N, C-alpha and C. Protein backbone atom coordinates (compact mmCIF):
# COMPACT_ATOMS: atom_id res chain seq x y z
N MET A 1 57.97 129.10 109.57
CA MET A 1 58.45 127.96 110.53
C MET A 1 59.95 127.77 110.55
N PRO A 2 60.54 127.79 111.75
CA PRO A 2 62.01 127.58 111.88
C PRO A 2 62.36 126.06 111.53
N PHE A 3 63.52 125.91 110.92
CA PHE A 3 63.98 124.52 110.55
C PHE A 3 65.44 124.51 110.57
N ASP A 4 65.85 123.15 110.62
CA ASP A 4 67.35 122.98 110.60
C ASP A 4 67.62 122.17 109.40
N ASP A 5 68.49 122.70 108.51
CA ASP A 5 68.80 122.06 107.21
C ASP A 5 70.18 121.38 107.30
N ARG A 6 70.19 120.12 107.11
CA ARG A 6 71.43 119.36 107.23
C ARG A 6 71.68 118.70 105.84
N ARG A 7 72.82 119.05 105.28
CA ARG A 7 73.17 118.53 103.95
C ARG A 7 74.01 117.19 104.16
N VAL A 8 73.50 116.11 103.57
CA VAL A 8 74.12 114.85 103.76
C VAL A 8 75.50 114.84 102.84
N GLU A 9 75.62 115.77 101.89
CA GLU A 9 76.85 115.83 101.04
C GLU A 9 78.01 116.18 102.13
N ARG A 10 77.74 117.04 103.04
CA ARG A 10 78.81 117.39 104.03
C ARG A 10 79.05 116.45 105.22
N ALA A 11 77.88 115.80 105.50
CA ALA A 11 77.93 114.95 106.67
C ALA A 11 76.98 113.81 106.43
N PRO A 12 77.49 112.75 105.66
CA PRO A 12 76.61 111.58 105.37
C PRO A 12 76.17 110.93 106.64
N VAL A 13 74.94 110.40 106.66
CA VAL A 13 74.34 109.67 107.80
C VAL A 13 74.48 108.13 107.51
N ASP A 14 75.21 107.42 108.35
CA ASP A 14 75.49 106.03 108.16
C ASP A 14 74.36 105.22 109.01
N ARG A 15 74.59 103.93 109.07
CA ARG A 15 73.60 103.02 109.74
C ARG A 15 73.36 103.42 111.10
N ASP A 16 74.34 103.71 111.95
CA ASP A 16 74.14 104.08 113.37
C ASP A 16 73.44 105.41 113.43
N GLY A 17 73.75 106.35 112.57
CA GLY A 17 73.21 107.69 112.52
C GLY A 17 71.70 107.59 112.15
N THR A 18 71.45 106.69 111.16
CA THR A 18 70.06 106.39 110.72
C THR A 18 69.19 105.95 111.91
N LEU A 19 69.63 104.94 112.67
CA LEU A 19 69.02 104.35 113.80
C LEU A 19 68.74 105.50 114.80
N ALA A 20 69.84 106.27 115.15
CA ALA A 20 69.65 107.36 116.09
C ALA A 20 68.61 108.41 115.75
N LEU A 21 68.56 108.73 114.45
CA LEU A 21 67.60 109.68 113.89
C LEU A 21 66.21 109.06 114.05
N ALA A 22 65.99 107.79 113.77
CA ALA A 22 64.70 107.20 113.78
C ALA A 22 64.17 106.83 115.23
N ARG A 23 65.12 106.78 116.12
CA ARG A 23 64.76 106.45 117.44
C ARG A 23 63.73 107.49 118.13
N GLY A 24 63.79 108.73 117.67
CA GLY A 24 62.99 109.79 118.16
C GLY A 24 61.64 109.84 117.54
N ALA A 25 61.45 108.97 116.47
CA ALA A 25 60.23 109.02 115.71
C ALA A 25 59.19 107.99 116.20
N ARG A 26 57.93 108.46 116.38
CA ARG A 26 56.85 107.47 116.71
C ARG A 26 56.19 107.06 115.45
N ARG A 27 56.04 107.96 114.53
CA ARG A 27 55.41 107.64 113.24
C ARG A 27 56.25 107.86 112.08
N PHE A 28 56.05 107.07 111.00
CA PHE A 28 56.88 107.09 109.89
C PHE A 28 55.95 107.12 108.56
N LEU A 29 56.31 108.02 107.61
CA LEU A 29 55.76 108.06 106.38
C LEU A 29 56.89 107.86 105.31
N VAL A 30 56.94 106.78 104.61
CA VAL A 30 58.13 106.50 103.81
C VAL A 30 57.60 106.20 102.36
N LYS A 31 58.00 107.04 101.42
CA LYS A 31 57.73 106.87 100.02
C LYS A 31 58.52 105.72 99.54
N SER A 32 57.86 104.80 98.99
CA SER A 32 58.60 103.52 98.38
C SER A 32 58.01 103.29 97.08
N GLY A 33 58.64 103.73 96.02
CA GLY A 33 58.11 103.66 94.70
C GLY A 33 56.93 104.54 94.56
N ALA A 34 55.80 104.19 94.06
CA ALA A 34 54.53 104.98 94.04
C ALA A 34 53.73 104.91 95.32
N ALA A 35 54.01 103.99 96.22
CA ALA A 35 53.29 103.86 97.42
C ALA A 35 53.89 104.58 98.59
N VAL A 36 53.12 104.86 99.66
CA VAL A 36 53.66 105.34 100.91
C VAL A 36 53.39 104.37 101.96
N VAL A 37 54.49 103.95 102.72
CA VAL A 37 54.50 103.08 103.82
C VAL A 37 54.19 103.90 105.06
N GLU A 38 53.16 103.62 105.82
CA GLU A 38 52.86 104.32 107.07
C GLU A 38 53.08 103.38 108.24
N LEU A 39 53.90 103.79 109.21
CA LEU A 39 54.09 102.94 110.42
C LEU A 39 53.82 103.86 111.63
N ASP A 40 53.27 103.25 112.66
CA ASP A 40 53.10 103.96 113.98
C ASP A 40 53.50 103.02 115.05
N ARG A 41 54.44 103.45 115.84
CA ARG A 41 54.93 102.51 116.88
C ARG A 41 53.96 102.29 118.03
N ALA A 42 52.92 103.21 118.10
CA ALA A 42 51.80 103.02 119.00
C ALA A 42 50.92 101.87 118.57
N ARG A 43 50.88 101.55 117.35
CA ARG A 43 50.01 100.49 116.84
C ARG A 43 50.77 99.04 116.51
N GLN A 44 52.05 99.28 116.34
CA GLN A 44 52.77 98.07 115.95
C GLN A 44 54.27 98.26 116.22
N PRO A 45 55.02 97.27 116.61
CA PRO A 45 56.45 97.47 116.86
C PRO A 45 57.13 97.77 115.57
N VAL A 46 58.10 98.63 115.64
CA VAL A 46 58.90 99.06 114.53
C VAL A 46 60.38 98.84 114.96
N GLY A 47 61.01 97.80 114.58
CA GLY A 47 62.36 97.44 115.09
C GLY A 47 63.46 98.06 114.18
N ASP A 48 64.70 97.87 114.56
CA ASP A 48 65.82 98.43 113.87
C ASP A 48 65.88 97.81 112.45
N THR A 49 65.55 96.68 112.27
CA THR A 49 65.52 95.95 110.98
C THR A 49 64.54 96.64 109.98
N ASP A 50 63.35 96.93 110.61
CA ASP A 50 62.36 97.62 109.72
C ASP A 50 62.81 99.09 109.37
N VAL A 51 63.36 99.80 110.32
CA VAL A 51 63.88 101.12 110.11
C VAL A 51 64.88 101.06 108.99
N LEU A 52 65.86 100.19 109.15
CA LEU A 52 67.01 100.22 108.17
C LEU A 52 66.52 99.75 106.80
N ALA A 53 65.56 98.86 106.70
CA ALA A 53 65.00 98.44 105.43
C ALA A 53 64.37 99.63 104.68
N LEU A 54 63.70 100.49 105.52
CA LEU A 54 62.94 101.68 104.90
C LEU A 54 63.84 102.88 104.62
N LEU A 55 64.84 103.10 105.43
CA LEU A 55 65.58 104.32 105.40
C LEU A 55 67.01 104.19 104.86
N LEU A 56 67.56 103.01 104.82
CA LEU A 56 68.96 102.96 104.51
C LEU A 56 69.14 102.49 103.00
N HIS A 57 69.94 103.24 102.34
CA HIS A 57 70.28 102.95 100.89
C HIS A 57 71.35 101.71 100.90
N GLU A 58 71.37 101.04 99.73
CA GLU A 58 72.28 99.91 99.61
C GLU A 58 73.80 100.19 99.89
N ASP A 59 74.10 101.56 99.69
CA ASP A 59 75.49 101.86 99.98
C ASP A 59 75.81 102.08 101.41
N GLY A 60 74.78 101.80 102.34
CA GLY A 60 74.93 101.98 103.76
C GLY A 60 74.63 103.26 104.28
N LEU A 61 74.12 104.26 103.55
CA LEU A 61 73.93 105.69 103.92
C LEU A 61 72.40 105.86 103.95
N LEU A 62 71.98 106.86 104.62
CA LEU A 62 70.58 107.28 104.77
C LEU A 62 70.02 107.71 103.40
N ARG A 63 68.86 107.25 103.07
CA ARG A 63 68.22 107.75 101.85
C ARG A 63 67.61 109.08 102.17
N VAL A 64 67.59 110.03 101.18
CA VAL A 64 67.16 111.32 101.37
C VAL A 64 66.14 111.65 100.31
N PRO A 65 65.28 112.60 100.53
CA PRO A 65 65.19 113.57 101.70
C PRO A 65 64.50 112.92 102.79
N VAL A 66 64.82 113.47 104.01
CA VAL A 66 64.20 113.11 105.24
C VAL A 66 63.61 114.43 105.93
N LEU A 67 62.48 114.32 106.39
CA LEU A 67 61.79 115.47 107.05
C LEU A 67 61.38 114.90 108.45
N LEU A 68 61.87 115.64 109.48
CA LEU A 68 61.44 115.36 110.79
C LEU A 68 60.49 116.44 111.37
N VAL A 69 59.34 116.10 111.80
CA VAL A 69 58.44 117.11 112.38
C VAL A 69 57.89 116.48 113.65
N GLY A 70 58.44 116.99 114.76
CA GLY A 70 57.98 116.42 116.01
C GLY A 70 58.38 114.96 116.06
N GLU A 71 57.44 113.98 116.34
CA GLU A 71 57.69 112.58 116.35
C GLU A 71 57.40 111.89 115.04
N LEU A 72 57.26 112.67 113.96
CA LEU A 72 56.92 112.06 112.61
C LEU A 72 58.21 112.23 111.82
N LEU A 73 58.60 111.08 111.21
CA LEU A 73 59.76 110.97 110.29
C LEU A 73 59.24 110.71 108.87
N VAL A 74 59.54 111.55 108.03
CA VAL A 74 59.06 111.35 106.54
C VAL A 74 60.30 111.14 105.65
N ARG A 75 60.30 110.11 104.88
CA ARG A 75 61.36 109.86 103.96
C ARG A 75 60.81 109.80 102.53
N GLY A 76 61.37 110.67 101.65
CA GLY A 76 60.87 110.71 100.35
C GLY A 76 60.13 112.09 100.20
N PHE A 77 59.79 112.46 98.96
CA PHE A 77 59.04 113.69 98.76
C PHE A 77 57.99 113.53 97.65
N THR A 78 56.87 114.04 97.98
CA THR A 78 55.83 114.38 97.04
C THR A 78 55.11 115.66 97.70
N ASP A 79 54.49 116.49 96.95
CA ASP A 79 53.76 117.58 97.55
C ASP A 79 52.67 117.11 98.52
N ASP A 80 52.01 116.00 98.08
CA ASP A 80 50.90 115.46 98.96
C ASP A 80 51.50 114.91 100.22
N LEU A 81 52.67 114.20 100.16
CA LEU A 81 53.24 113.63 101.30
C LEU A 81 53.75 114.72 102.38
N TYR A 82 54.39 115.71 101.78
CA TYR A 82 54.73 116.85 102.77
C TYR A 82 53.48 117.58 103.37
N ARG A 83 52.48 117.73 102.46
CA ARG A 83 51.24 118.40 102.94
C ARG A 83 50.70 117.67 104.07
N LYS A 84 50.66 116.32 103.89
CA LYS A 84 50.04 115.45 104.92
C LYS A 84 50.92 115.48 106.20
N ALA A 85 52.24 115.50 106.07
CA ALA A 85 53.13 115.58 107.23
C ALA A 85 53.03 116.85 107.94
N LEU A 86 52.97 117.94 107.25
CA LEU A 86 52.93 119.26 107.94
C LEU A 86 51.57 119.64 108.44
N THR A 87 50.47 119.08 107.91
CA THR A 87 49.22 119.45 108.45
C THR A 87 48.96 118.48 109.58
N ALA A 88 49.50 117.30 109.67
CA ALA A 88 49.34 116.34 110.77
C ALA A 88 50.29 116.66 111.96
N ALA A 89 51.17 117.56 111.85
CA ALA A 89 52.09 117.87 112.87
C ALA A 89 51.41 118.57 114.04
N PRO A 90 51.62 118.25 115.25
CA PRO A 90 51.16 118.98 116.43
C PRO A 90 51.59 120.40 116.39
N PRO A 91 50.80 121.32 116.91
CA PRO A 91 51.14 122.76 116.88
C PRO A 91 52.51 123.07 117.40
N ALA A 92 52.88 122.33 118.49
CA ALA A 92 54.21 122.70 119.10
C ALA A 92 55.37 122.33 118.13
N ALA A 93 55.16 121.42 117.17
CA ALA A 93 56.24 121.03 116.19
C ALA A 93 56.27 122.04 115.00
N ARG A 94 55.22 122.85 114.85
CA ARG A 94 55.25 123.67 113.70
C ARG A 94 55.97 124.90 113.96
């Protein structure tokens, strides 16, 4: 599967970059501690405040890792989380 690897060490993503990245997402899976927060813009509004609370670190930069698959944005990593994200992706995004 082709992918684009972007290293935040070379190009940190700030508040505006985080919002721009999230605007293309319809669904979100965000690891928060041991839990996973799932949001879907089709079911509930997801505003900029929500996005920033879930994705932005206290230092004002994007928390990593972030995986974008089609309209799905995943923040955080576990094998199960990535498995869920990659199996839920529409065929065109794979």
